[in-house]
Amino acid sequence: MSYDIALYLQVDTGGPAPIDYCAADIGNYTANVSGMWADALGYRLADLNGKTAGDCADDLKRAVADMEARPDHYLAMNPPNGWGDYDGALDYLRRLMTACCAHPKAEIHISH
C-alpha cells in the first residue's frame, strides 16, 4: 500500500460546472513510513485529505523541520522490510510542503 497525493484547484471556465486542475502531483510513496509522518505531524498524513493546502502548510513546515532536526529519531523508525526509509519519507513530505506553499488554494487529494 502507498500514499498517492495530488493538489487540485477548481477552475471556473464559465461552463456549467468548474473543472479540476491538477496544480501539483506529488506522486506516491509507501505507507510503511506512515508512522514517521504521524510522529512529525501529530496526526496521520491521510487526515490531510480534502483540506486546503494553505491550511496545512504550517503543519507541514513544522513536520519537515522536526524530521530534519531529529534524523536519528526517525531513522530508528525505518521499516524493517526495507520498503521506504527516512530519506524518502522526508523528501516526500518536503515535496508536499513545497506544493502546498505554492498552491495554497488547492485541495489535497490522497488515495491509499
PDB file of N, CA and C in Angstrom:
ATOM      1  N   MET A   1       0.844  -1.165   0.000  1.00  0.00           N
ATOM      2  CA  MET A   1       0.000   0.000   0.000  1.00  0.00           C
ATOM      3  C   MET A   1       0.896   1.237   0.000  1.00  0.00           C
ATOM      4  N   SER A   2       0.432   2.284  -0.691  1.00  0.00           N
ATOM      5  CA  SER A   2       1.183   3.533  -0.723  1.00  0.00           C
ATOM      6  C   SER A   2       0.220   4.703  -0.678  1.00  0.00           C
ATOM      7  N   TYR A   3       0.785   5.863  -0.397  1.00  0.00           N
ATOM      8  CA  TYR A   3       0.030   7.112  -0.442  1.00  0.00           C
ATOM      9  C   TYR A   3       0.280   7.744  -1.798  1.00  0.00           C
ATOM     10  N   ASP A   4      -0.782   8.210  -2.452  1.00  0.00           N
ATOM     11  CA  ASP A   4      -0.674   8.922  -3.711  1.00  0.00           C
ATOM     12  C   ASP A   4      -1.348  10.267  -3.492  1.00  0.00           C
ATOM     13  N   ILE A   5      -0.604  11.362  -3.658  1.00  0.00           N
ATOM     14  CA  ILE A   5      -1.107  12.691  -3.322  1.00  0.00           C
ATOM     15  C   ILE A   5      -1.045  13.618  -4.525  1.00  0.00           C
ATOM     16  N   ALA A   6      -2.131  14.356  -4.725  1.00  0.00           N
ATOM     17  CA  ALA A   6      -2.200  15.408  -5.739  1.00  0.00           C
ATOM     18  C   ALA A   6      -2.950  16.591  -5.150  1.00  0.00           C
ATOM     19  N   LEU A   7      -2.607  17.786  -5.596  1.00  0.00           N
ATOM     20  CA  LEU A   7      -3.297  19.011  -5.204  1.00  0.00           C
ATOM     21  C   LEU A   7      -4.102  19.495  -6.398  1.00  0.00           C
ATOM     22  N   TYR A   8      -5.390  19.748  -6.175  1.00  0.00           N
ATOM     23  CA  TYR A   8      -6.278  20.183  -7.244  1.00  0.00           C
ATOM     24  C   TYR A   8      -6.870  21.548  -6.949  1.00  0.00           C
ATOM     25  N   LEU A   9      -7.013  22.332  -8.000  1.00  0.00           N
ATOM     26  CA  LEU A   9      -7.710  23.603  -7.946  1.00  0.00           C
ATOM     27  C   LEU A   9      -8.969  23.476  -8.797  1.00  0.00           C
ATOM     28  N   GLN A  10     -10.069  24.036  -8.328  1.00  0.00           N
ATOM     29  CA  GLN A  10     -11.262  24.095  -9.160  1.00  0.00           C
ATOM     30  C   GLN A  10     -11.223  25.412  -9.918  1.00  0.00           C
ATOM     31  N   VAL A  11     -11.377  25.329 -11.230  1.00  0.00           N
ATOM     32  CA  VAL A  11     -11.278  26.492 -12.092  1.00  0.00           C
ATOM     33  C   VAL A  11     -12.636  26.746 -12.746  1.00  0.00           C
ATOM     34  N   ASP A  12     -13.129  27.960 -12.608  1.00  0.00           N
ATOM     35  CA  ASP A  12     -14.379  28.353 -13.252  1.00  0.00           C
ATOM     36  C   ASP A  12     -14.061  28.758 -14.683  1.00  0.00           C
ATOM     37  N   THR A  13     -14.498  27.949 -15.637  1.00  0.00           N
ATOM     38  CA  THR A  13     -14.233  28.224 -17.048  1.00  0.00           C
ATOM     39  C   THR A  13     -15.420  28.904 -17.716  1.00  0.00           C
ATOM     40  N   GLY A  14     -16.448  29.220 -16.934  1.00  0.00           N
ATOM     41  CA  GLY A  14     -17.648  29.830 -17.496  1.00  0.00           C
ATOM     42  C   GLY A  14     -18.666  28.808 -17.935  1.00  0.00           C
ATOM     43  N   GLY A  15     -18.326  27.548 -17.854  1.00  0.00           N
ATOM     44  CA  GLY A  15     -19.253  26.478 -18.224  1.00  0.00           C
ATOM     45  C   GLY A  15     -20.215  26.171 -17.096  1.00  0.00           C
ATOM     46  N   PRO A  16     -20.976  25.102 -17.243  1.00  0.00           N
ATOM     47  CA  PRO A  16     -21.976  24.763 -16.233  1.00  0.00           C
ATOM     48  C   PRO A  16     -21.375  24.336 -14.887  1.00  0.00           C
ATOM     49  N   ALA A  17     -20.149  23.873 -14.904  1.00  0.00           N
ATOM     50  CA  ALA A  17     -19.512  23.437 -13.653  1.00  0.00           C
ATOM     51  C   ALA A  17     -18.016  23.720 -13.736  1.00  0.00           C
ATOM     52  N   PRO A  18     -17.393  23.994 -12.593  1.00  0.00           N
ATOM     53  CA  PRO A  18     -15.942  24.200 -12.616  1.00  0.00           C
ATOM     54  C   PRO A  18     -15.211  22.908 -12.966  1.00  0.00           C
ATOM     55  N   ILE A  19     -13.990  23.048 -13.448  1.00  0.00           N
ATOM     56  CA  ILE A  19     -13.179  21.870 -13.746  1.00  0.00           C
ATOM     57  C   ILE A  19     -12.079  21.753 -12.707  1.00  0.00           C
ATOM     58  N   ASP A  20     -11.617  20.540 -12.497  1.00  0.00           N
ATOM     59  CA  ASP A  20     -10.496  20.311 -11.596  1.00  0.00           C
ATOM     60  C   ASP A  20      -9.203  20.412 -12.391  1.00  0.00           C
ATOM     61  N   TYR A  21      -8.275  21.183 -11.860  1.00  0.00           N
ATOM     62  CA  TYR A  21      -6.958  21.338 -12.471  1.00  0.00           C
ATOM     63  C   TYR A  21      -5.936  20.800 -11.482  1.00  0.00           C
ATOM     64  N   CYS A  22      -5.096  19.887 -11.929  1.00  0.00           N
ATOM     65  CA  CYS A  22      -4.067  19.326 -11.053  1.00  0.00           C
ATOM     66  C   CYS A  22      -2.930  20.330 -10.936  1.00  0.00           C
ATOM     67  N   ALA A  23      -2.871  20.989  -9.785  1.00  0.00           N
ATOM     68  CA  ALA A  23      -1.846  22.006  -9.541  1.00  0.00           C
ATOM     69  C   ALA A  23      -0.498  21.382  -9.230  1.00  0.00           C
ATOM     70  N   ALA A  24      -0.510  20.218  -8.605  1.00  0.00           N
ATOM     71  CA  ALA A  24       0.744  19.540  -8.264  1.00  0.00           C
ATOM     72  C   ALA A  24       0.480  18.055  -8.061  1.00  0.00           C
ATOM     73  N   ASP A  25       1.292  17.234  -8.682  1.00  0.00           N
ATOM     74  CA  ASP A  25       1.220  15.787  -8.496  1.00  0.00           C
ATOM     75  C   ASP A  25       2.439  15.386  -7.678  1.00  0.00           C
ATOM     76  N   ILE A  26       2.218  15.075  -6.424  1.00  0.00           N
ATOM     77  CA  ILE A  26       3.316  14.744  -5.515  1.00  0.00           C
ATOM     78  C   ILE A  26       3.829  13.334  -5.790  1.00  0.00           C
ATOM     79  N   GLY A  27       2.998  12.501  -6.368  1.00  0.00           N
ATOM     80  CA  GLY A  27       3.379  11.128  -6.643  1.00  0.00           C
ATOM     81  C   GLY A  27       2.989  10.214  -5.496  1.00  0.00           C
ATOM     82  N   ASN A  28       3.653   9.084  -5.410  1.00  0.00           N
ATOM     83  CA  ASN A  28       3.304   8.168  -4.319  1.00  0.00           C
ATOM     84  C   ASN A  28       4.545   7.709  -3.574  1.00  0.00           C
ATOM     85  N   TYR A  29       4.278   7.255  -2.356  1.00  0.00           N
ATOM     86  CA  TYR A  29       5.337   6.718  -1.506  1.00  0.00           C
ATOM     87  C   TYR A  29       4.708   5.694  -0.573  1.00  0.00           C
ATOM     88  N   THR A  30       5.494   4.754  -0.161  1.00  0.00           N
ATOM     89  CA  THR A  30       4.995   3.646   0.635  1.00  0.00           C
ATOM     90  C   THR A  30       4.407   4.075   1.983  1.00  0.00           C
ATOM     91  N   ALA A  31       3.329   3.413   2.357  1.00  0.00           N
ATOM     92  CA  ALA A  31       2.694   3.662   3.656  1.00  0.00           C
ATOM     93  C   ALA A  31       3.495   3.053   4.802  1.00  0.00           C
ATOM     94  N   ASN A  32       4.561   2.313   4.490  1.00  0.00           N
ATOM     95  CA  ASN A  32       5.390   1.730   5.551  1.00  0.00           C
ATOM     96  C   ASN A  32       6.036   2.790   6.437  1.00  0.00           C
ATOM     97  N   VAL A  33       6.117   4.022   5.958  1.00  0.00           N
ATOM     98  CA  VAL A  33       6.721   5.102   6.749  1.00  0.00           C
ATOM     99  C   VAL A  33       5.661   6.021   7.363  1.00  0.00           C
ATOM    100  N   SER A  34       4.424   5.589   7.353  1.00  0.00           N
ATOM    101  CA  SER A  34       3.341   6.439   7.867  1.00  0.00           C
ATOM    102  C   SER A  34       3.533   6.782   9.342  1.00  0.00           C
ATOM    103  N   GLY A  35       4.199   5.938  10.084  1.00  0.00           N
ATOM    104  CA  GLY A  35       4.480   6.239  11.486  1.00  0.00           C
ATOM    105  C   GLY A  35       5.399   7.450  11.637  1.00  0.00           C
ATOM    106  N   MET A  36       6.345   7.590  10.726  1.00  0.00           N
ATOM    107  CA  MET A  36       7.227   8.769  10.748  1.00  0.00           C
ATOM    108  C   MET A  36       6.422  10.041  10.525  1.00  0.00           C
ATOM    109  N   TRP A  37       5.573  10.011   9.499  1.00  0.00           N
ATOM    110  CA  TRP A  37       4.768  11.196   9.192  1.00  0.00           C
ATOM    111  C   TRP A  37       3.824  11.533  10.339  1.00  0.00           C
ATOM    112  N   ALA A  38       3.210  10.514  10.918  1.00  0.00           N
ATOM    113  CA  ALA A  38       2.286  10.751  12.036  1.00  0.00           C
ATOM    114  C   ALA A  38       3.024  11.339  13.236  1.00  0.00           C
ATOM    115  N   ASP A  39       4.226  10.867  13.476  1.00  0.00           N
ATOM    116  CA  ASP A  39       5.017  11.400  14.584  1.00  0.00           C
ATOM    117  C   ASP A  39       5.384  12.862  14.333  1.00  0.00           C
ATOM    118  N   ALA A  40       5.782  13.167  13.115  1.00  0.00           N
ATOM    119  CA  ALA A  40       6.204  14.530  12.775  1.00  0.00           C
ATOM    120  C   ALA A  40       5.024  15.503  12.728  1.00  0.00           C
ATOM    121  N   LEU A  41       3.898  15.054  12.185  1.00  0.00           N
ATOM    122  CA  LEU A  41       2.729  15.923  12.046  1.00  0.00           C
ATOM    123  C   LEU A  41       1.888  16.023  13.314  1.00  0.00           C
ATOM    124  N   GLY A  42       1.871  14.934  14.075  1.00  0.00           N
ATOM    125  CA  GLY A  42       0.980  14.870  15.237  1.00  0.00           C
ATOM    126  C   GLY A  42      -0.364  14.270  14.873  1.00  0.00           C
ATOM    127  N   TYR A  43      -0.517  13.859  13.632  1.00  0.00           N
ATOM    128  CA  TYR A  43      -1.725  13.189  13.146  1.00  0.00           C
ATOM    129  C   TYR A  43      -1.353  12.449  11.861  1.00  0.00           C
ATOM    130  N   ARG A  44      -2.275  11.625  11.359  1.00  0.00           N
ATOM    131  CA  ARG A  44      -1.995  10.820  10.174  1.00  0.00           C
ATOM    132  C   ARG A  44      -1.920  11.691   8.916  1.00  0.00           C
ATOM    133  N   LEU A  45      -1.034  11.370   8.015  1.00  0.00           N
ATOM    134  CA  LEU A  45      -0.933  12.063   6.739  1.00  0.00           C
ATOM    135  C   LEU A  45      -2.266  11.993   6.005  1.00  0.00           C
ATOM    136  N   ALA A  46      -2.947  10.875   6.093  1.00  0.00           N
ATOM    137  CA  ALA A  46      -4.246  10.699   5.427  1.00  0.00           C
ATOM    138  C   ALA A  46      -5.273  11.719   5.902  1.00  0.00           C
ATOM    139  N   ASP A  47      -5.086  12.280   7.085  1.00  0.00           N
ATOM    140  CA  ASP A  47      -6.027  13.273   7.613  1.00  0.00           C
ATOM    141  C   ASP A  47      -5.990  14.590   6.833  1.00  0.00           C
ATOM    142  N   LEU A  48      -4.993  14.771   5.978  1.00  0.00           N
ATOM    143  CA  LEU A  48      -4.914  15.977   5.148  1.00  0.00           C
ATOM    144  C   LEU A  48      -5.865  15.912   3.958  1.00  0.00           C
ATOM    145  N   ASN A  49      -6.382  14.734   3.661  1.00  0.00           N
ATOM    146  CA  ASN A  49      -7.262  14.556   2.511  1.00  0.00           C
ATOM    147  C   ASN A  49      -8.463  15.489   2.597  1.00  0.00           C
ATOM    148  N   GLY A  50      -8.689  16.242   1.518  1.00  0.00           N
ATOM    149  CA  GLY A  50      -9.831  17.136   1.447  1.00  0.00           C
ATOM    150  C   GLY A  50      -9.598  18.513   2.042  1.00  0.00           C
ATOM    151  N   LYS A  51      -8.462  18.724   2.655  1.00  0.00           N
ATOM    152  CA  LYS A  51      -8.165  20.028   3.253  1.00  0.00           C
ATOM    153  C   LYS A  51      -7.520  20.960   2.229  1.00  0.00           C
ATOM    154  N   THR A  52      -7.593  22.226   2.508  1.00  0.00           N
ATOM    155  CA  THR A  52      -6.951  23.222   1.666  1.00  0.00           C
ATOM    156  C   THR A  52      -5.453  23.237   1.955  1.00  0.00           C
ATOM    157  N   ALA A  53      -4.661  23.298   0.909  1.00  0.00           N
ATOM    158  CA  ALA A  53      -3.209  23.256   1.050  1.00  0.00           C
ATOM    159  C   ALA A  53      -2.696  24.353   1.978  1.00  0.00           C
ATOM    160  N   GLY A  54      -3.237  25.552   1.858  1.00  0.00           N
ATOM    161  CA  GLY A  54      -2.805  26.657   2.708  1.00  0.00           C
ATOM    162  C   GLY A  54      -3.070  26.407   4.179  1.00  0.00           C
ATOM    163  N   ASP A  55      -4.139  25.675   4.478  1.00  0.00           N
ATOM    164  CA  ASP A  55      -4.461  25.358   5.870  1.00  0.00           C
ATOM    165  C   ASP A  55      -3.494  24.341   6.473  1.00  0.00           C
ATOM    166  N   CYS A  56      -2.776  23.617   5.624  1.00  0.00           N
ATOM    167  CA  CYS A  56      -1.867  22.564   6.087  1.00  0.00           C
ATOM    168  C   CYS A  56      -0.394  22.969   6.020  1.00  0.00           C
ATOM    169  N   ALA A  57      -0.111  24.067   5.363  1.00  0.00           N
ATOM    170  CA  ALA A  57       1.286  24.445   5.099  1.00  0.00           C
ATOM    171  C   ALA A  57       2.099  24.603   6.378  1.00  0.00           C
ATOM    172  N   ASP A  58       1.556  25.260   7.392  1.00  0.00           N
ATOM    173  CA  ASP A  58       2.325  25.465   8.626  1.00  0.00           C
ATOM    174  C   ASP A  58       2.631  24.145   9.327  1.00  0.00           C
ATOM    175  N   ASP A  59       1.652  23.238   9.371  1.00  0.00           N
ATOM    176  CA  ASP A  59       1.896  21.923   9.969  1.00  0.00           C
ATOM    177  C   ASP A  59       2.974  21.170   9.200  1.00  0.00           C
ATOM    178  N   LEU A  60       2.926  21.261   7.882  1.00  0.00           N
ATOM    179  CA  LEU A  60       3.927  20.572   7.065  1.00  0.00           C
ATOM    180  C   LEU A  60       5.314  21.170   7.253  1.00  0.00           C
ATOM    181  N   LYS A  61       5.397  22.482   7.351  1.00  0.00           N
ATOM    182  CA  LYS A  61       6.694  23.133   7.613  1.00  0.00           C
ATOM    183  C   LYS A  61       7.262  22.665   8.950  1.00  0.00           C
ATOM    184  N   ARG A  62       6.409  22.612   9.966  1.00  0.00           N
ATOM    185  CA  ARG A  62       6.839  22.171  11.294  1.00  0.00           C
ATOM    186  C   ARG A  62       7.287  20.708  11.248  1.00  0.00           C
ATOM    187  N   ALA A  63       6.543  19.866  10.527  1.00  0.00           N
ATOM    188  CA  ALA A  63       6.873  18.440  10.443  1.00  0.00           C
ATOM    189  C   ALA A  63       8.201  18.219   9.727  1.00  0.00           C
ATOM    190  N   VAL A  64       8.414  18.933   8.629  1.00  0.00           N
ATOM    191  CA  VAL A  64       9.684  18.826   7.895  1.00  0.00           C
ATOM    192  C   VAL A  64      10.835  19.279   8.786  1.00  0.00           C
ATOM    193  N   ALA A  65      10.647  20.391   9.476  1.00  0.00           N
ATOM    194  CA  ALA A  65      11.708  20.896  10.363  1.00  0.00           C
ATOM    195  C   ALA A  65      12.027  19.890  11.462  1.00  0.00           C
ATOM    196  N   ASP A  66      11.006  19.231  11.999  1.00  0.00           N
ATOM    197  CA  ASP A  66      11.234  18.239  13.047  1.00  0.00           C
ATOM    198  C   ASP A  66      12.000  17.032  12.508  1.00  0.00           C
ATOM    199  N   MET A  67      11.607  16.570  11.318  1.00  0.00           N
ATOM    200  CA  MET A  67      12.314  15.428  10.736  1.00  0.00           C
ATOM    201  C   MET A  67      13.764  15.778  10.430  1.00  0.00           C
ATOM    202  N   GLU A  68      14.009  17.012   9.990  1.00  0.00           N
ATOM    203  CA  GLU A  68      15.384  17.437   9.701  1.00  0.00           C
ATOM    204  C   GLU A  68      16.201  17.594  10.984  1.00  0.00           C
ATOM    205  N   ALA A  69      15.568  18.036  12.049  1.00  0.00           N
ATOM    206  CA  ALA A  69      16.278  18.288  13.308  1.00  0.00           C
ATOM    207  C   ALA A  69      16.571  17.008  14.095  1.00  0.00           C
ATOM    208  N   ARG A  70      15.768  15.975  13.871  1.00  0.00           N
ATOM    209  CA  ARG A  70      15.924  14.741  14.657  1.00  0.00           C
ATOM    210  C   ARG A  70      16.046  13.507  13.764  1.00  0.00           C
ATOM    211  N   PRO A  71      17.041  13.479  12.884  1.00  0.00           N
ATOM    212  CA  PRO A  71      17.139  12.338  11.969  1.00  0.00           C
ATOM    213  C   PRO A  71      17.294  10.997  12.675  1.00  0.00           C
ATOM    214  N   ASP A  72      18.042  10.954  13.773  1.00  0.00           N
ATOM    215  CA  ASP A  72      18.231   9.674  14.469  1.00  0.00           C
ATOM    216  C   ASP A  72      16.913   9.114  14.993  1.00  0.00           C
ATOM    217  N   HIS A  73      16.051   9.992  15.461  1.00  0.00           N
ATOM    218  CA  HIS A  73      14.729   9.574  15.939  1.00  0.00           C
ATOM    219  C   HIS A  73      13.948   8.890  14.819  1.00  0.00           C
ATOM    220  N   TYR A  74      13.976   9.494  13.631  1.00  0.00           N
ATOM    221  CA  TYR A  74      13.213   8.961  12.506  1.00  0.00           C
ATOM    222  C   TYR A  74      13.913   7.796  11.815  1.00  0.00           C
ATOM    223  N   LEU A  75      15.249   7.807  11.799  1.00  0.00           N
ATOM    224  CA  LEU A  75      15.975   6.664  11.231  1.00  0.00           C
ATOM    225  C   LEU A  75      15.656   5.380  11.984  1.00  0.00           C
ATOM    226  N   ALA A  76      15.414   5.505  13.279  1.00  0.00           N
ATOM    227  CA  ALA A  76      15.057   4.333  14.088  1.00  0.00           C
ATOM    228  C   ALA A  76      13.703   3.763  13.686  1.00  0.00           C
ATOM    229  N   MET A  77      12.909   4.525  12.951  1.00  0.00           N
ATOM    230  CA  MET A  77      11.584   4.072  12.500  1.00  0.00           C
ATOM    231  C   MET A  77      11.620   3.466  11.097  1.00  0.00           C
ATOM    232  N   ASN A  78      12.797   3.387  10.473  1.00  0.00           N
ATOM    233  CA  ASN A  78      12.873   2.789   9.142  1.00  0.00           C
ATOM    234  C   ASN A  78      12.219   1.411   9.157  1.00  0.00           C
ATOM    235  N   PRO A  79      11.382   1.102   8.173  1.00  0.00           N
ATOM    236  CA  PRO A  79      10.715  -0.197   8.132  1.00  0.00           C
ATOM    237  C   PRO A  79      11.721  -1.340   8.030  1.00  0.00           C
ATOM    238  N   PRO A  80      11.538  -2.362   8.823  1.00  0.00           N
ATOM    239  CA  PRO A  80      12.481  -3.488   8.788  1.00  0.00           C
ATOM    240  C   PRO A  80      12.481  -4.240   7.459  1.00  0.00           C
ATOM    241  N   ASN A  81      11.385  -4.147   6.691  1.00  0.00           N
ATOM    242  CA  ASN A  81      11.339  -4.869   5.417  1.00  0.00           C
ATOM    243  C   ASN A  81      12.063  -4.120   4.295  1.00  0.00           C
ATOM    244  N   GLY A  82      12.571  -2.888   4.589  1.00  0.00           N
ATOM    245  CA  GLY A  82      13.327  -2.136   3.606  1.00  0.00           C
ATOM    246  C   GLY A  82      12.491  -1.374   2.594  1.00  0.00           C
ATOM    247  N   TRP A  83      11.173  -1.444   2.703  1.00  0.00           N
ATOM    248  CA  TRP A  83      10.301  -0.708   1.786  1.00  0.00           C
ATOM    249  C   TRP A  83      10.068   0.682   2.354  1.00  0.00           C
ATOM    250  N   GLY A  84      10.816   1.652   1.884  1.00  0.00           N
ATOM    251  CA  GLY A  84      10.732   3.012   2.381  1.00  0.00           C
ATOM    252  C   GLY A  84      11.782   3.260   3.437  1.00  0.00           C
ATOM    253  N   ASP A  85      12.123   4.547   3.598  1.00  0.00           N
ATOM    254  CA  ASP A  85      13.105   4.902   4.614  1.00  0.00           C
ATOM    255  C   ASP A  85      12.966   6.379   4.969  1.00  0.00           C
ATOM    256  N   TYR A  86      13.753   6.802   5.936  1.00  0.00           N
ATOM    257  CA  TYR A  86      13.723   8.175   6.425  1.00  0.00           C
ATOM    258  C   TYR A  86      13.943   9.179   5.290  1.00  0.00           C
ATOM    259  N   ASP A  87      14.956   8.957   4.465  1.00  0.00           N
ATOM    260  CA  ASP A  87      15.264   9.909   3.388  1.00  0.00           C
ATOM    261  C   ASP A  87      14.091  10.063   2.423  1.00  0.00           C
ATOM    262  N   GLY A  88      13.495   8.960   2.039  1.00  0.00           N
ATOM    263  CA  GLY A  88      12.360   9.006   1.126  1.00  0.00           C
ATOM    264  C   GLY A  88      11.135   9.645   1.764  1.00  0.00           C
ATOM    265  N   ALA A  89      10.894   9.340   3.032  1.00  0.00           N
ATOM    266  CA  ALA A  89       9.754   9.918   3.752  1.00  0.00           C
ATOM    267  C   ALA A  89       9.904  11.429   3.885  1.00  0.00           C
ATOM    268  N   LEU A  90      11.110  11.874   4.199  1.00  0.00           N
ATOM    269  CA  LEU A  90      11.367  13.308   4.339  1.00  0.00           C
ATOM    270  C   LEU A  90      11.252  14.005   2.982  1.00  0.00           C
ATOM    271  N   ASP A  91      11.786  13.418   1.938  1.00  0.00           N
ATOM    272  CA  ASP A  91      11.694  14.001   0.599  1.00  0.00           C
ATOM    273  C   ASP A  91      10.235  14.138   0.173  1.00  0.00           C
ATOM    274  N   TYR A  92       9.422  13.126   0.421  1.00  0.00           N
ATOM    275  CA  TYR A  92       8.009  13.152   0.048  1.00  0.00           C
ATOM    276  C   TYR A  92       7.272  14.254   0.808  1.00  0.00           C
ATOM    277  N   LEU A  93       7.556  14.374   2.106  1.00  0.00           N
ATOM    278  CA  LEU A  93       6.924  15.405   2.919  1.00  0.00           C
ATOM    279  C   LEU A  93       7.374  16.804   2.473  1.00  0.00           C
ATOM    280  N   ARG A  94       8.633  16.942   2.108  1.00  0.00           N
ATOM    281  CA  ARG A  94       9.139  18.231   1.593  1.00  0.00           C
ATOM    282  C   ARG A  94       8.422  18.624   0.298  1.00  0.00           C
ATOM    283  N   ARG A  95       8.249  17.647  -0.600  1.00  0.00           N
ATOM    284  CA  ARG A  95       7.572  17.932  -1.869  1.00  0.00           C
ATOM    285  C   ARG A  95       6.130  18.359  -1.623  1.00  0.00           C
ATOM    286  N   LEU A  96       5.464  17.702  -0.677  1.00  0.00           N
ATOM    287  CA  LEU A  96       4.093  18.075  -0.333  1.00  0.00           C
ATOM    288  C   LEU A  96       4.061  19.479   0.263  1.00  0.00           C
ATOM    289  N   MET A  97       4.979  19.769   1.171  1.00  0.00           N
ATOM    290  CA  MET A  97       5.051  21.096   1.791  1.00  0.00           C
ATOM    291  C   MET A  97       5.279  22.180   0.736  1.00  0.00           C
ATOM    292  N   THR A  98       6.214  21.959  -0.158  1.00  0.00           N
ATOM    293  CA  THR A  98       6.531  22.928  -1.201  1.00  0.00           C
ATOM    294  C   THR A  98       5.320  23.184  -2.094  1.00  0.00           C
ATOM    295  N   ALA A  99       4.625  22.124  -2.474  1.00  0.00           N
ATOM    296  CA  ALA A  99       3.443  22.271  -3.324  1.00  0.00           C
ATOM    297  C   ALA A  99       2.321  23.001  -2.588  1.00  0.00           C
ATOM    298  N   CYS A 100       2.145  22.718  -1.312  1.00  0.00           N
ATOM    299  CA  CYS A 100       1.103  23.383  -0.530  1.00  0.00           C
ATOM    300  C   CYS A 100       1.395  24.874  -0.384  1.00  0.00           C
ATOM    301  N   CYS A 101       2.658  25.220  -0.204  1.00  0.00           N
ATOM    302  CA  CYS A 101       3.034  26.632  -0.104  1.00  0.00           C
ATOM    303  C   CYS A 101       2.848  27.347  -1.444  1.00  0.00           C
ATOM    304  N   ALA A 102       3.103  26.655  -2.546  1.00  0.00           N
ATOM    305  CA  ALA A 102       2.983  27.245  -3.872  1.00  0.00           C
ATOM    306  C   ALA A 102       1.530  27.369  -4.335  1.00  0.00           C
ATOM    307  N   HIS A 103       0.664  26.487  -3.831  1.00  0.00           N
ATOM    308  CA  HIS A 103      -0.734  26.446  -4.277  1.00  0.00           C
ATOM    309  C   HIS A 103      -1.673  26.409  -3.066  1.00  0.00           C
ATOM    310  N   PRO A 104      -1.708  27.481  -2.273  1.00  0.00           N
ATOM    311  CA  PRO A 104      -2.460  27.452  -1.011  1.00  0.00           C
ATOM    312  C   PRO A 104      -3.963  27.275  -1.164  1.00  0.00           C
ATOM    313  N   LYS A 105      -4.507  27.570  -2.328  1.00  0.00           N
ATOM    314  CA  LYS A 105      -5.953  27.421  -2.518  1.00  0.00           C
ATOM    315  C   LYS A 105      -6.346  26.053  -3.063  1.00  0.00           C
ATOM    316  N   ALA A 106      -5.358  25.221  -3.338  1.00  0.00           N
ATOM    317  CA  ALA A 106      -5.636  23.885  -3.867  1.00  0.00           C
ATOM    318  C   ALA A 106      -6.145  22.979  -2.754  1.00  0.00           C
ATOM    319  N   GLU A 107      -6.876  21.960  -3.157  1.00  0.00           N
ATOM    320  CA  GLU A 107      -7.369  20.956  -2.211  1.00  0.00           C
ATOM    321  C   GLU A 107      -6.483  19.727  -2.322  1.00  0.00           C
ATOM    322  N   ILE A 108      -6.140  19.159  -1.193  1.00  0.00           N
ATOM    323  CA  ILE A 108      -5.285  17.967  -1.144  1.00  0.00           C
ATOM    324  C   ILE A 108      -6.144  16.728  -1.355  1.00  0.00           C
ATOM    325  N   HIS A 109      -5.713  15.873  -2.271  1.00  0.00           N
ATOM    326  CA  HIS A 109      -6.391  14.604  -2.509  1.00  0.00           C
ATOM    327  C   HIS A 109      -5.383  13.479  -2.263  1.00  0.00           C
ATOM    328  N   ILE A 110      -5.740  12.594  -1.359  1.00  0.00           N
ATOM    329  CA  ILE A 110      -4.869  11.463  -1.014  1.00  0.00           C
ATOM    330  C   ILE A 110      -5.625  10.168  -1.238  1.00  0.00           C
ATOM    331  N   SER A 111      -4.999   9.270  -1.953  1.00  0.00           N
ATOM    332  CA  SER A 111      -5.551   7.912  -2.060  1.00  0.00           C
ATOM    333  C   SER A 111      -4.479   6.957  -1.549  1.00  0.00           C
ATOM    334  N   HIS A 112      -4.944   5.907  -0.937  1.00  0.00           N
ATOM    335  CA  HIS A 112      -4.011   4.870  -0.452  1.00  0.00           C
ATOM    336  C   HIS A 112      -4.719   3.566  -0.340  1.00  0.00           C
TER     337      HIS A 112
END
